């Protein structure tokens, strides 16, 4: 839920989610439409369906217990290297290299003298982090937590509080005079306004507000995607149609057949 989404938006949804589906088996048996409605406006709704798919595999293949190793976690749907390492470390106390944005930034500054880490996490960066991870599992967990908190609260991206940093005497970036980001030109910011993602979000919001068993007509959803405007008057008139088709392709929206052709609802 926290992927590219602020904690303030996630926390109330997360609490309601765990109240409703406290165990993997509970989520595994839910209707996808219920899952998407509970996901609400967190964005990237495919994550919700992947989370349910993960719960189904945990229920069917692991007796409802989340695997406790990185290898076991990586075999689950929707689990990448960061999530597998984080769960292994923080849920099970295992030694794992947990490289989130904050940890990568702290290590890039303290060890390499760079303002920010490279845009893409590579093998060399991962191996460098692993070489500094304490061997004792319990200590390695505290190490990961400490670096995360240091990056979140002190060694921030835009306004680092270097005078309050416990690593200030060892920080290569501070010793070098805090040079500028060498990869600034390569970093991309994700647009939102006017994108297909925004239009997809409008269509999903309309369907979440729709009565669960009722279908919505094509024209209704295209208008919702255009934010109530005439889709034909948009700079890209085909955008709402394209966004609706992509939602169907992603399994986030069900398209009717037969007498229901041209009508849609949540799966």
C-alpha atoms as a PDB file:
ATOM      1  CA  UNK A   1       0.000   0.000   0.000  1.00  0.00           C
ATOM      2  CA  UNK A   2       2.868   2.362   0.741  1.00  0.00           C
ATOM      3  CA  UNK A   3       4.413   2.033  -2.713  1.00  0.00           C
ATOM      4  CA  UNK A   4       4.468   5.608  -4.057  1.00  0.00           C
ATOM      5  CA  UNK A   5       1.713   6.528  -1.580  1.00  0.00           C
ATOM      6  CA  UNK A   6       2.146   8.676   1.572  1.00  0.00           C
ATOM      7  CA  UNK A   7       1.658   7.115   5.004  1.00  0.00           C
ATOM      8  CA  UNK A   8      -1.091   9.604   5.882  1.00  0.00           C
ATOM      9  CA  UNK A   9      -3.245   8.283   3.032  1.00  0.00           C
ATOM     10  CA  UNK A  10      -2.407   4.645   3.640  1.00  0.00           C
ATOM     11  CA  UNK A  11      -2.889   4.301   7.391  1.00  0.00           C
ATOM     12  CA  UNK A  12      -6.715   4.572   7.607  1.00  0.00           C
ATOM     13  CA  UNK A  13      -7.162   2.244   4.633  1.00  0.00           C
ATOM     14  CA  UNK A  14      -4.656  -0.223   6.083  1.00  0.00           C
ATOM     15  CA  UNK A  15      -6.406  -0.279   9.470  1.00  0.00           C
ATOM     16  CA  UNK A  16      -9.814  -0.808   7.888  1.00  0.00           C
ATOM     17  CA  UNK A  17      -8.342  -3.475   5.600  1.00  0.00           C
ATOM     18  CA  UNK A  18      -6.890  -5.523   8.473  1.00  0.00           C
ATOM     19  CA  UNK A  19     -10.106  -5.212  10.443  1.00  0.00           C
ATOM     20  CA  UNK A  20     -12.032  -6.610   7.505  1.00  0.00           C
ATOM     21  CA  UNK A  21      -9.476  -9.220   6.369  1.00  0.00           C
ATOM     22  CA  UNK A  22      -7.164  -9.991   9.307  1.00  0.00           C
ATOM     23  CA  UNK A  23      -5.646 -13.152   7.781  1.00  0.00           C
ATOM     24  CA  UNK A  24      -4.601 -14.181   4.257  1.00  0.00           C
ATOM     25  CA  UNK A  25      -7.474 -16.665   4.052  1.00  0.00           C
ATOM     26  CA  UNK A  26      -9.987 -13.878   4.707  1.00  0.00           C
ATOM     27  CA  UNK A  27      -8.657 -11.772   1.848  1.00  0.00           C
ATOM     28  CA  UNK A  28      -8.258 -14.777  -0.440  1.00  0.00           C
ATOM     29  CA  UNK A  29     -11.979 -15.479  -0.374  1.00  0.00           C
ATOM     30  CA  UNK A  30     -13.189 -11.932  -0.972  1.00  0.00           C
ATOM     31  CA  UNK A  31     -14.749 -10.778  -4.220  1.00  0.00           C
ATOM     32  CA  UNK A  32     -12.323  -8.728  -6.323  1.00  0.00           C
ATOM     33  CA  UNK A  33     -14.915  -5.934  -6.442  1.00  0.00           C
ATOM     34  CA  UNK A  34     -14.883  -5.749  -2.630  1.00  0.00           C
ATOM     35  CA  UNK A  35     -11.090  -5.623  -2.637  1.00  0.00           C
ATOM     36  CA  UNK A  36     -11.026  -2.794  -5.183  1.00  0.00           C
ATOM     37  CA  UNK A  37     -13.640  -0.817  -3.257  1.00  0.00           C
ATOM     38  CA  UNK A  38     -11.673  -1.232  -0.020  1.00  0.00           C
ATOM     39  CA  UNK A  39      -8.507  -0.086  -1.826  1.00  0.00           C
ATOM     40  CA  UNK A  40     -10.422   3.126  -2.478  1.00  0.00           C
ATOM     41  CA  UNK A  41      -8.243   5.951  -3.904  1.00  0.00           C
ATOM     42  CA  UNK A  42      -4.788   4.656  -3.003  1.00  0.00           C
ATOM     43  CA  UNK A  43      -3.884   4.476  -6.685  1.00  0.00           C
ATOM     44  CA  UNK A  44      -2.299   1.731  -8.764  1.00  0.00           C
ATOM     45  CA  UNK A  45      -5.286  -0.580  -8.101  1.00  0.00           C
ATOM     46  CA  UNK A  46      -3.540  -3.525  -9.744  1.00  0.00           C
ATOM     47  CA  UNK A  47      -1.639  -3.734  -6.453  1.00  0.00           C
ATOM     48  CA  UNK A  48      -4.903  -4.649  -4.726  1.00  0.00           C
ATOM     49  CA  UNK A  49      -5.532  -7.594  -7.011  1.00  0.00           C
ATOM     50  CA  UNK A  50      -1.920  -8.738  -6.733  1.00  0.00           C
ATOM     51  CA  UNK A  51      -2.223  -8.591  -2.951  1.00  0.00           C
ATOM     52  CA  UNK A  52      -5.305 -10.771  -3.102  1.00  0.00           C
ATOM     53  CA  UNK A  53      -3.565 -13.179  -5.471  1.00  0.00           C
ATOM     54  CA  UNK A  54      -0.677 -13.320  -3.003  1.00  0.00           C
ATOM     55  CA  UNK A  55      -3.110 -14.116  -0.176  1.00  0.00           C
ATOM     56  CA  UNK A  56      -4.647 -16.900  -2.249  1.00  0.00           C
ATOM     57  CA  UNK A  57      -1.250 -18.533  -2.842  1.00  0.00           C
ATOM     58  CA  UNK A  58      -0.319 -18.185   0.845  1.00  0.00           C
ATOM     59  CA  UNK A  59      -3.619 -19.814   1.799  1.00  0.00           C
ATOM     60  CA  UNK A  60      -3.440 -22.632  -0.745  1.00  0.00           C
ATOM     61  CA  UNK A  61       0.273 -23.448  -0.639  1.00  0.00           C
ATOM     62  CA  UNK A  62       1.509 -22.282   2.782  1.00  0.00           C
ATOM     63  CA  UNK A  63      -1.416 -23.125   5.101  1.00  0.00           C
ATOM     64  CA  UNK A  64      -2.165 -19.436   5.507  1.00  0.00           C
ATOM     65  CA  UNK A  65       1.286 -18.586   6.906  1.00  0.00           C
ATOM     66  CA  UNK A  66       3.471 -15.995   5.188  1.00  0.00           C
ATOM     67  CA  UNK A  67       6.847 -17.552   4.215  1.00  0.00           C
ATOM     68  CA  UNK A  68       9.735 -16.511   6.447  1.00  0.00           C
ATOM     69  CA  UNK A  69      12.612 -16.538   3.935  1.00  0.00           C
ATOM     70  CA  UNK A  70      13.453 -14.165   1.112  1.00  0.00           C
ATOM     71  CA  UNK A  71      13.355 -17.027  -1.397  1.00  0.00           C
ATOM     72  CA  UNK A  72       9.917 -18.119  -0.218  1.00  0.00           C
ATOM     73  CA  UNK A  73       8.608 -14.577  -0.268  1.00  0.00           C
ATOM     74  CA  UNK A  74       9.998 -13.883  -3.748  1.00  0.00           C
ATOM     75  CA  UNK A  75       8.028 -16.857  -5.067  1.00  0.00           C
ATOM     76  CA  UNK A  76       4.754 -15.144  -4.130  1.00  0.00           C
ATOM     77  CA  UNK A  77       2.811 -13.040  -6.678  1.00  0.00           C
ATOM     78  CA  UNK A  78       3.550  -9.328  -6.512  1.00  0.00           C
ATOM     79  CA  UNK A  79       6.509  -9.618  -4.124  1.00  0.00           C
ATOM     80  CA  UNK A  80       9.755  -8.001  -5.281  1.00  0.00           C
ATOM     81  CA  UNK A  81      13.241  -7.959  -3.783  1.00  0.00           C
ATOM     82  CA  UNK A  82      12.642  -4.989  -1.498  1.00  0.00           C
ATOM     83  CA  UNK A  83       9.377  -6.322  -0.048  1.00  0.00           C
ATOM     84  CA  UNK A  84      10.836  -9.808   0.427  1.00  0.00           C
ATOM     85  CA  UNK A  85      13.851  -8.416   2.272  1.00  0.00           C
ATOM     86  CA  UNK A  86      11.723  -6.085   4.411  1.00  0.00           C
ATOM     87  CA  UNK A  87       9.314  -8.835   5.481  1.00  0.00           C
ATOM     88  CA  UNK A  88      12.154 -11.275   6.189  1.00  0.00           C
ATOM     89  CA  UNK A  89      13.964  -8.677   8.301  1.00  0.00           C
ATOM     90  CA  UNK A  90      11.172  -6.885  10.131  1.00  0.00           C
ATOM     91  CA  UNK A  91       8.595  -9.660  10.485  1.00  0.00           C
ATOM     92  CA  UNK A  92      10.969 -12.573  11.046  1.00  0.00           C
ATOM     93  CA  UNK A  93      14.194 -10.987  12.301  1.00  0.00           C
ATOM     94  CA  UNK A  94      16.325 -12.389   9.498  1.00  0.00           C
ATOM     95  CA  UNK A  95      19.479 -10.843   8.090  1.00  0.00           C
ATOM     96  CA  UNK A  96      18.518  -9.129   4.820  1.00  0.00           C
ATOM     97  CA  UNK A  97      19.625  -6.151   2.759  1.00  0.00           C
ATOM     98  CA  UNK A  98      16.636  -3.780   2.872  1.00  0.00           C
ATOM     99  CA  UNK A  99      17.241  -1.057   0.300  1.00  0.00           C
ATOM    100  CA  UNK A 100      14.490   1.520   0.195  1.00  0.00           C
ATOM    101  CA  UNK A 101      14.927   5.093  -1.061  1.00  0.00           C
ATOM    102  CA  UNK A 102      16.037   6.385   2.337  1.00  0.00           C
ATOM    103  CA  UNK A 103      18.635   3.674   2.916  1.00  0.00           C
ATOM    104  CA  UNK A 104      20.060   4.078  -0.574  1.00  0.00           C
ATOM    105  CA  UNK A 105      20.387   7.848  -0.085  1.00  0.00           C
ATOM    106  CA  UNK A 106      22.171   7.532   3.274  1.00  0.00           C
ATOM    107  CA  UNK A 107      24.653   5.000   1.906  1.00  0.00           C
ATOM    108  CA  UNK A 108      25.255   6.977  -1.295  1.00  0.00           C
ATOM    109  CA  UNK A 109      26.127  10.082   0.727  1.00  0.00           C
ATOM    110  CA  UNK A 110      28.027   8.510   3.583  1.00  0.00           C
ATOM    111  CA  UNK A 111      30.054   6.012   1.543  1.00  0.00           C
ATOM    112  CA  UNK A 112      30.244   7.377  -2.008  1.00  0.00           C
ATOM    113  CA  UNK A 113      30.003  11.141  -1.558  1.00  0.00           C
ATOM    114  CA  UNK A 114      27.010  11.358  -3.907  1.00  0.00           C
ATOM    115  CA  UNK A 115      24.024  13.609  -3.340  1.00  0.00           C
ATOM    116  CA  UNK A 116      21.622  10.863  -4.367  1.00  0.00           C
ATOM    117  CA  UNK A 117      21.953   7.244  -5.478  1.00  0.00           C
ATOM    118  CA  UNK A 118      21.741   6.316  -9.176  1.00  0.00           C
ATOM    119  CA  UNK A 119      18.190   6.259 -10.625  1.00  0.00           C
ATOM    120  CA  UNK A 120      18.399   2.473 -11.025  1.00  0.00           C
ATOM    121  CA  UNK A 121      19.424   0.081  -8.270  1.00  0.00           C
ATOM    122  CA  UNK A 122      22.181  -2.134  -9.638  1.00  0.00           C
ATOM    123  CA  UNK A 123      24.112  -5.189  -8.536  1.00  0.00           C
ATOM    124  CA  UNK A 124      27.170  -3.227  -7.396  1.00  0.00           C
ATOM    125  CA  UNK A 125      25.076  -1.014  -5.117  1.00  0.00           C
ATOM    126  CA  UNK A 126      23.323  -4.023  -3.632  1.00  0.00           C
ATOM    127  CA  UNK A 127      26.622  -5.833  -3.001  1.00  0.00           C
ATOM    128  CA  UNK A 128      28.130  -2.709  -1.432  1.00  0.00           C
ATOM    129  CA  UNK A 129      25.181  -2.455   0.973  1.00  0.00           C
ATOM    130  CA  UNK A 130      25.457  -6.164   1.822  1.00  0.00           C
ATOM    131  CA  UNK A 131      29.145  -5.752   2.666  1.00  0.00           C
ATOM    132  CA  UNK A 132      28.247  -3.257   5.417  1.00  0.00           C
ATOM    133  CA  UNK A 133      25.335  -5.235   6.876  1.00  0.00           C
ATOM    134  CA  UNK A 134      26.156  -6.541  10.384  1.00  0.00           C
ATOM    135  CA  UNK A 135      26.511 -10.312  10.495  1.00  0.00           C
ATOM    136  CA  UNK A 136      24.312 -10.795  13.563  1.00  0.00           C
ATOM    137  CA  UNK A 137      20.654 -10.971  12.410  1.00  0.00           C
ATOM    138  CA  UNK A 138      19.243  -8.959  15.319  1.00  0.00           C
ATOM    139  CA  UNK A 139      21.853  -6.244  14.837  1.00  0.00           C
ATOM    140  CA  UNK A 140      21.239  -6.218  11.079  1.00  0.00           C
ATOM    141  CA  UNK A 141      17.537  -5.559  11.661  1.00  0.00           C
ATOM    142  CA  UNK A 142      18.348  -2.579  13.885  1.00  0.00           C
ATOM    143  CA  UNK A 143      20.872  -1.404  11.271  1.00  0.00           C
ATOM    144  CA  UNK A 144      18.183  -1.417   8.560  1.00  0.00           C
ATOM    145  CA  UNK A 145      15.685   0.393  10.767  1.00  0.00           C
ATOM    146  CA  UNK A 146      18.297   2.946  11.812  1.00  0.00           C
ATOM    147  CA  UNK A 147      19.287   3.781   8.239  1.00  0.00           C
ATOM    148  CA  UNK A 148      15.642   4.091   7.205  1.00  0.00           C
ATOM    149  CA  UNK A 149      14.872   6.484  10.037  1.00  0.00           C
ATOM    150  CA  UNK A 150      18.063   8.449   9.463  1.00  0.00           C
ATOM    151  CA  UNK A 151      17.132   8.966   5.814  1.00  0.00           C
ATOM    152  CA  UNK A 152      13.521   9.799   6.599  1.00  0.00           C
ATOM    153  CA  UNK A 153      14.185  12.283   9.414  1.00  0.00           C
ATOM    154  CA  UNK A 154      17.717  13.681   9.031  1.00  0.00           C
ATOM    155  CA  UNK A 155      19.416  12.764   5.755  1.00  0.00           C
ATOM    156  CA  UNK A 156      16.449  13.886   3.677  1.00  0.00           C
ATOM    157  CA  UNK A 157      16.549  14.374  -0.068  1.00  0.00           C
ATOM    158  CA  UNK A 158      15.966  18.135  -0.218  1.00  0.00           C
ATOM    159  CA  UNK A 159      16.887  19.602   3.158  1.00  0.00           C
ATOM    160  CA  UNK A 160      19.337  17.312   4.980  1.00  0.00           C
ATOM    161  CA  UNK A 161      20.054  18.286   8.590  1.00  0.00           C
ATOM    162  CA  UNK A 162      23.762  17.524   8.414  1.00  0.00           C
ATOM    163  CA  UNK A 163      24.663  19.258  11.687  1.00  0.00           C
ATOM    164  CA  UNK A 164      22.376  16.820  13.543  1.00  0.00           C
ATOM    165  CA  UNK A 165      23.526  13.692  11.718  1.00  0.00           C
ATOM    166  CA  UNK A 166      25.393  11.032  13.740  1.00  0.00           C
ATOM    167  CA  UNK A 167      27.414  10.186  10.606  1.00  0.00           C
ATOM    168  CA  UNK A 168      28.570  13.738   9.919  1.00  0.00           C
ATOM    169  CA  UNK A 169      32.200  12.980  10.822  1.00  0.00           C
ATOM    170  CA  UNK A 170      32.317   9.996   8.454  1.00  0.00           C
ATOM    171  CA  UNK A 171      30.081  11.301   5.636  1.00  0.00           C
ATOM    172  CA  UNK A 172      31.958  11.448   2.326  1.00  0.00           C
ATOM    173  CA  UNK A 173      29.336  13.749   0.792  1.00  0.00           C
ATOM    174  CA  UNK A 174      29.620  16.297   3.595  1.00  0.00           C
ATOM    175  CA  UNK A 175      33.424  16.198   3.451  1.00  0.00           C
ATOM    176  CA  UNK A 176      33.260  16.844  -0.308  1.00  0.00           C
ATOM    177  CA  UNK A 177      31.196  20.008   0.212  1.00  0.00           C
ATOM    178  CA  UNK A 178      27.794  18.447  -0.554  1.00  0.00           C
ATOM    179  CA  UNK A 179      28.168  18.280  -4.370  1.00  0.00           C
ATOM    180  CA  UNK A 180      25.050  18.453  -6.566  1.00  0.00           C
ATOM    181  CA  UNK A 181      23.212  15.413  -7.880  1.00  0.00           C
ATOM    182  CA  UNK A 182      25.170  14.062 -10.841  1.00  0.00           C
ATOM    183  CA  UNK A 183      22.140  12.174 -12.153  1.00  0.00           C
ATOM    184  CA  UNK A 184      19.647  15.047 -11.976  1.00  0.00           C
ATOM    185  CA  UNK A 185      19.051  15.094 -15.741  1.00  0.00           C
ATOM    186  CA  UNK A 186      18.157  11.386 -15.759  1.00  0.00           C
ATOM    187  CA  UNK A 187      15.585  11.495 -13.015  1.00  0.00           C
ATOM    188  CA  UNK A 188      11.995  11.542 -14.113  1.00  0.00           C
ATOM    189  CA  UNK A 189       9.004  12.878 -12.233  1.00  0.00           C
ATOM    190  CA  UNK A 190       5.765  11.038 -12.808  1.00  0.00           C
ATOM    191  CA  UNK A 191       3.081  13.224 -14.315  1.00  0.00           C
ATOM    192  CA  UNK A 192      -0.539  12.886 -13.234  1.00  0.00           C
ATOM    193  CA  UNK A 193      -2.780  15.617 -14.652  1.00  0.00           C
ATOM    194  CA  UNK A 194      -3.900  14.835 -18.162  1.00  0.00           C
ATOM    195  CA  UNK A 195      -2.458  11.325 -18.177  1.00  0.00           C
ATOM    196  CA  UNK A 196      -4.177   8.021 -18.850  1.00  0.00           C
ATOM    197  CA  UNK A 197      -3.561   7.185 -15.176  1.00  0.00           C
ATOM    198  CA  UNK A 198      -5.729  10.112 -14.119  1.00  0.00           C
ATOM    199  CA  UNK A 199      -8.494   9.080 -16.511  1.00  0.00           C
ATOM    200  CA  UNK A 200      -8.296   5.481 -15.309  1.00  0.00           C
ATOM    201  CA  UNK A 201      -8.613   6.738 -11.741  1.00  0.00           C
ATOM    202  CA  UNK A 202     -11.768   8.675 -12.575  1.00  0.00           C
ATOM    203  CA  UNK A 203     -13.371   5.621 -14.165  1.00  0.00           C
ATOM    204  CA  UNK A 204     -12.445   3.429 -11.199  1.00  0.00           C
ATOM    205  CA  UNK A 205     -13.806   6.011  -8.748  1.00  0.00           C
ATOM    206  CA  UNK A 206     -17.095   6.070 -10.652  1.00  0.00           C
ATOM    207  CA  UNK A 207     -17.369   2.281 -10.573  1.00  0.00           C
ATOM    208  CA  UNK A 208     -16.487   2.078  -6.870  1.00  0.00           C
ATOM    209  CA  UNK A 209     -19.369   4.462  -6.161  1.00  0.00           C
ATOM    210  CA  UNK A 210     -21.708   2.416  -8.382  1.00  0.00           C
ATOM    211  CA  UNK A 211     -24.040  -0.150  -6.741  1.00  0.00           C
ATOM    212  CA  UNK A 212     -22.115  -3.455  -6.638  1.00  0.00           C
ATOM    213  CA  UNK A 213     -24.386  -5.550  -8.845  1.00  0.00           C
ATOM    214  CA  UNK A 214     -25.351  -2.842 -11.340  1.00  0.00           C
ATOM    215  CA  UNK A 215     -23.653  -2.305 -14.670  1.00  0.00           C
ATOM    216  CA  UNK A 216     -22.487   1.049 -15.981  1.00  0.00           C
ATOM    217  CA  UNK A 217     -22.882   1.986 -19.642  1.00  0.00           C
ATOM    218  CA  UNK A 218     -19.943   2.794 -21.881  1.00  0.00           C
ATOM    219  CA  UNK A 219     -21.011   6.411 -22.392  1.00  0.00           C
ATOM    220  CA  UNK A 220     -21.361   6.881 -18.637  1.00  0.00           C
ATOM    221  CA  UNK A 221     -17.827   5.671 -17.992  1.00  0.00           C
ATOM    222  CA  UNK A 222     -16.291   7.644 -20.838  1.00  0.00           C
ATOM    223  CA  UNK A 223     -17.910  10.788 -19.445  1.00  0.00           C
ATOM    224  CA  UNK A 224     -16.572   9.950 -15.994  1.00  0.00           C
ATOM    225  CA  UNK A 225     -13.114   9.518 -17.475  1.00  0.00           C
ATOM    226  CA  UNK A 226     -13.427  12.932 -19.098  1.00  0.00           C
ATOM    227  CA  UNK A 227     -14.455  14.409 -15.729  1.00  0.00           C
ATOM    228  CA  UNK A 228     -17.966  15.122 -16.980  1.00  0.00           C
ATOM    229  CA  UNK A 229     -16.877  16.785 -20.202  1.00  0.00           C
ATOM    230  CA  UNK A 230     -17.614  15.610 -23.725  1.00  0.00           C
ATOM    231  CA  UNK A 231     -14.824  13.096 -24.459  1.00  0.00           C
ATOM    232  CA  UNK A 232     -14.761  14.325 -28.047  1.00  0.00           C
ATOM    233  CA  UNK A 233     -13.733  17.786 -26.860  1.00  0.00           C
ATOM    234  CA  UNK A 234     -10.628  16.561 -25.041  1.00  0.00           C
ATOM    235  CA  UNK A 235      -7.134  17.249 -26.438  1.00  0.00           C
ATOM    236  CA  UNK A 236      -6.910  13.459 -26.873  1.00  0.00           C
ATOM    237  CA  UNK A 237     -10.502  12.353 -27.663  1.00  0.00           C
ATOM    238  CA  UNK A 238      -9.594   8.683 -27.588  1.00  0.00           C
ATOM    239  CA  UNK A 239      -8.103   8.819 -24.094  1.00  0.00           C
ATOM    240  CA  UNK A 240     -11.217   7.734 -22.109  1.00  0.00           C
ATOM    241  CA  UNK A 241     -11.831   4.815 -24.481  1.00  0.00           C
ATOM    242  CA  UNK A 242      -8.191   3.790 -24.245  1.00  0.00           C
ATOM    243  CA  UNK A 243      -8.225   4.068 -20.455  1.00  0.00           C
ATOM    244  CA  UNK A 244     -11.372   1.931 -20.152  1.00  0.00           C
ATOM    245  CA  UNK A 245      -9.932  -0.719 -22.468  1.00  0.00           C
ATOM    246  CA  UNK A 246      -6.730  -0.850 -20.399  1.00  0.00           C
ATOM    247  CA  UNK A 247      -8.715  -1.325 -17.181  1.00  0.00           C
ATOM    248  CA  UNK A 248     -10.500  -4.285 -18.752  1.00  0.00           C
ATOM    249  CA  UNK A 249      -7.183  -5.704 -19.992  1.00  0.00           C
ATOM    250  CA  UNK A 250      -5.712  -5.388 -16.489  1.00  0.00           C
ATOM    251  CA  UNK A 251      -8.636  -7.272 -14.942  1.00  0.00           C
ATOM    252  CA  UNK A 252      -9.751  -4.239 -12.946  1.00  0.00           C
ATOM    253  CA  UNK A 253     -13.055  -3.876 -14.802  1.00  0.00           C
ATOM    254  CA  UNK A 254     -15.347  -6.581 -16.179  1.00  0.00           C
ATOM    255  CA  UNK A 255     -16.911  -6.076 -19.606  1.00  0.00           C
ATOM    256  CA  UNK A 256     -20.368  -7.493 -20.169  1.00  0.00           C
ATOM    257  CA  UNK A 257     -21.175  -9.960 -22.935  1.00  0.00           C
ATOM    258  CA  UNK A 258     -24.353 -10.860 -24.776  1.00  0.00           C
ATOM    259  CA  UNK A 259     -27.196  -8.637 -23.633  1.00  0.00           C
ATOM    260  CA  UNK A 260     -24.720  -6.886 -21.310  1.00  0.00           C
ATOM    261  CA  UNK A 261     -22.340  -5.959 -24.122  1.00  0.00           C
ATOM    262  CA  UNK A 262     -21.310  -2.325 -23.797  1.00  0.00           C
ATOM    263  CA  UNK A 263     -21.793  -2.382 -20.015  1.00  0.00           C
ATOM    264  CA  UNK A 264     -19.153  -2.619 -17.303  1.00  0.00           C
ATOM    265  CA  UNK A 265     -18.705  -3.194 -13.575  1.00  0.00           C
ATOM    266  CA  UNK A 266     -16.010  -4.114 -11.069  1.00  0.00           C
ATOM    267  CA  UNK A 267     -15.039  -7.814 -11.289  1.00  0.00           C
END
